[in-house]
Amino acid sequence: GDVETFRARIEKIALPLQEEATKLYAQALEKAHEAEVISPYTALLQEKLSLSRPDDYKKLVEVMPAPSYMSHELPINQETKGIVEEE
């Protein structure tokens, strides 16, 4: 019916645009890697590419360190005890 025809026409228009966007995203990400640029925009490029080409581009996962690195959990020896404790 009309819905299927409309959907087919939209896909016929959208698919080449999506392919071109994916190509340009990949080129931009490659240039960013060459220039050693890391920014929210490179992360966005990686995310977009992971959606359109998941076999070639993996989704970025931010890994947070465990809170054990915090100074309040580090052992204090006699030399540093006077520096950290209030008198």
C-alpha atoms as a PDB file:
ATOM      1  CA  GLY A   1       0.000   0.000   0.000  1.00  0.00           C
ATOM      2  CA  ASP A   2       0.871   3.628   0.366  1.00  0.00           C
ATOM      3  CA  VAL A   3       2.845   3.145   3.572  1.00  0.00           C
ATOM      4  CA  GLU A   4       5.143   0.535   2.014  1.00  0.00           C
ATOM      5  CA  THR A   5       5.674   2.709  -1.066  1.00  0.00           C
ATOM      6  CA  PHE A   6       6.471   5.727   1.083  1.00  0.00           C
ATOM      7  CA  ARG A   7       8.865   3.710   3.253  1.00  0.00           C
ATOM      8  CA  ALA A   8      10.638   2.307   0.176  1.00  0.00           C
ATOM      9  CA  ARG A   9      11.074   5.781  -1.301  1.00  0.00           C
ATOM     10  CA  ILE A  10      12.446   7.167   1.990  1.00  0.00           C
ATOM     11  CA  GLU A  11      14.892   4.265   2.291  1.00  0.00           C
ATOM     12  CA  LYS A  12      15.993   4.781  -1.316  1.00  0.00           C
ATOM     13  CA  ILE A  13      16.818   8.410  -0.488  1.00  0.00           C
ATOM     14  CA  ALA A  14      18.201   7.844   3.025  1.00  0.00           C
ATOM     15  CA  LEU A  15      20.467   4.861   2.400  1.00  0.00           C
ATOM     16  CA  PRO A  16      22.961   6.672   0.133  1.00  0.00           C
ATOM     17  CA  LEU A  17      23.037   9.575   2.594  1.00  0.00           C
ATOM     18  CA  GLN A  18      23.737   7.224   5.499  1.00  0.00           C
ATOM     19  CA  GLU A  19      26.504   5.526   3.531  1.00  0.00           C
ATOM     20  CA  GLU A  20      28.088   8.875   2.673  1.00  0.00           C
ATOM     21  CA  ALA A  21      27.855  10.017   6.299  1.00  0.00           C
ATOM     22  CA  THR A  22      29.478   6.792   7.478  1.00  0.00           C
ATOM     23  CA  LYS A  23      32.307   7.266   4.978  1.00  0.00           C
ATOM     24  CA  LEU A  24      32.881  10.850   6.120  1.00  0.00           C
ATOM     25  CA  TYR A  25      32.739   9.865   9.814  1.00  0.00           C
ATOM     26  CA  ALA A  26      35.371   7.195   9.173  1.00  0.00           C
ATOM     27  CA  GLN A  27      37.614   9.674   7.342  1.00  0.00           C
ATOM     28  CA  ALA A  28      37.241  12.247  10.132  1.00  0.00           C
ATOM     29  CA  LEU A  29      38.049   9.667  12.804  1.00  0.00           C
ATOM     30  CA  GLU A  30      41.085   8.467  10.853  1.00  0.00           C
ATOM     31  CA  LYS A  31      42.391  12.052  10.561  1.00  0.00           C
ATOM     32  CA  ALA A  32      41.777  12.623  14.275  1.00  0.00           C
ATOM     33  CA  HIS A  33      43.788   9.482  15.079  1.00  0.00           C
ATOM     34  CA  GLU A  34      46.607  10.618  12.768  1.00  0.00           C
ATOM     35  CA  ALA A  35      46.690  13.997  14.533  1.00  0.00           C
ATOM     36  CA  GLU A  36      46.376  12.297  17.935  1.00  0.00           C
ATOM     37  CA  VAL A  37      43.248  14.298  18.748  1.00  0.00           C
ATOM     38  CA  ILE A  38      40.962  13.083  21.496  1.00  0.00           C
ATOM     39  CA  SER A  39      37.821  15.081  22.146  1.00  0.00           C
ATOM     40  CA  PRO A  40      34.101  14.664  22.697  1.00  0.00           C
ATOM     41  CA  TYR A  41      33.763  14.905  18.910  1.00  0.00           C
ATOM     42  CA  THR A  42      36.051  11.935  18.251  1.00  0.00           C
ATOM     43  CA  ALA A  43      34.037   9.951  20.814  1.00  0.00           C
ATOM     44  CA  LEU A  44      30.858  10.951  18.979  1.00  0.00           C
ATOM     45  CA  LEU A  45      32.360   9.840  15.663  1.00  0.00           C
ATOM     46  CA  GLN A  46      33.287   6.487  17.203  1.00  0.00           C
ATOM     47  CA  GLU A  47      29.769   6.114  18.612  1.00  0.00           C
ATOM     48  CA  LYS A  48      28.102   6.891  15.267  1.00  0.00           C
ATOM     49  CA  LEU A  49      30.399   4.462  13.456  1.00  0.00           C
ATOM     50  CA  SER A  50      29.752   1.736  16.035  1.00  0.00           C
ATOM     51  CA  LEU A  51      26.061   1.982  15.161  1.00  0.00           C
ATOM     52  CA  SER A  52      26.463   1.947  11.383  1.00  0.00           C
ATOM     53  CA  ARG A  53      29.468  -0.420  11.142  1.00  0.00           C
ATOM     54  CA  PRO A  54      29.612  -2.417  14.404  1.00  0.00           C
ATOM     55  CA  ASP A  55      31.979  -5.030  12.958  1.00  0.00           C
ATOM     56  CA  ASP A  56      34.587  -2.373  12.156  1.00  0.00           C
ATOM     57  CA  TYR A  57      34.085   0.078  15.031  1.00  0.00           C
ATOM     58  CA  LYS A  58      33.476  -0.921  18.616  1.00  0.00           C
ATOM     59  CA  LYS A  59      31.410   1.165  20.999  1.00  0.00           C
ATOM     60  CA  LEU A  60      33.549   3.086  23.457  1.00  0.00           C
ATOM     61  CA  VAL A  61      33.158   2.132  27.091  1.00  0.00           C
ATOM     62  CA  GLU A  62      34.426   4.540  29.711  1.00  0.00           C
ATOM     63  CA  VAL A  63      36.163   2.718  32.520  1.00  0.00           C
ATOM     64  CA  MET A  64      36.306   4.441  35.864  1.00  0.00           C
ATOM     65  CA  PRO A  65      39.054   3.516  38.320  1.00  0.00           C
ATOM     66  CA  ALA A  66      38.091   1.914  41.582  1.00  0.00           C
ATOM     67  CA  PRO A  67      37.855   4.445  44.421  1.00  0.00           C
ATOM     68  CA  SER A  68      40.727   2.739  46.224  1.00  0.00           C
ATOM     69  CA  TYR A  69      43.171   5.157  44.582  1.00  0.00           C
ATOM     70  CA  MET A  70      41.789   7.978  46.748  1.00  0.00           C
ATOM     71  CA  SER A  71      44.262   9.434  49.201  1.00  0.00           C
ATOM     72  CA  HIS A  72      41.962   8.979  52.183  1.00  0.00           C
ATOM     73  CA  GLU A  73      42.365   5.221  51.759  1.00  0.00           C
ATOM     74  CA  LEU A  74      46.144   5.202  51.421  1.00  0.00           C
ATOM     75  CA  PRO A  75      48.105   4.037  54.444  1.00  0.00           C
ATOM     76  CA  ILE A  76      49.837   6.877  56.285  1.00  0.00           C
ATOM     77  CA  ASN A  77      53.304   6.304  57.664  1.00  0.00           C
ATOM     78  CA  GLN A  78      54.930   8.240  60.520  1.00  0.00           C
ATOM     79  CA  GLU A  79      56.673  10.695  58.163  1.00  0.00           C
ATOM     80  CA  THR A  80      53.472  11.817  56.458  1.00  0.00           C
ATOM     81  CA  LYS A  81      51.171  11.542  59.484  1.00  0.00           C
ATOM     82  CA  GLY A  82      52.049  15.035  60.749  1.00  0.00           C
ATOM     83  CA  ILE A  83      51.467  16.552  57.328  1.00  0.00           C
ATOM     84  CA  VAL A  84      47.971  15.168  56.892  1.00  0.00           C
ATOM     85  CA  GLU A  85      46.609  15.364  60.414  1.00  0.00           C
ATOM     86  CA  GLU A  86      45.583  18.669  61.879  1.00  0.00           C
ATOM     87  CA  GLU A  87      47.316  19.707  65.031  1.00  0.00           C
END
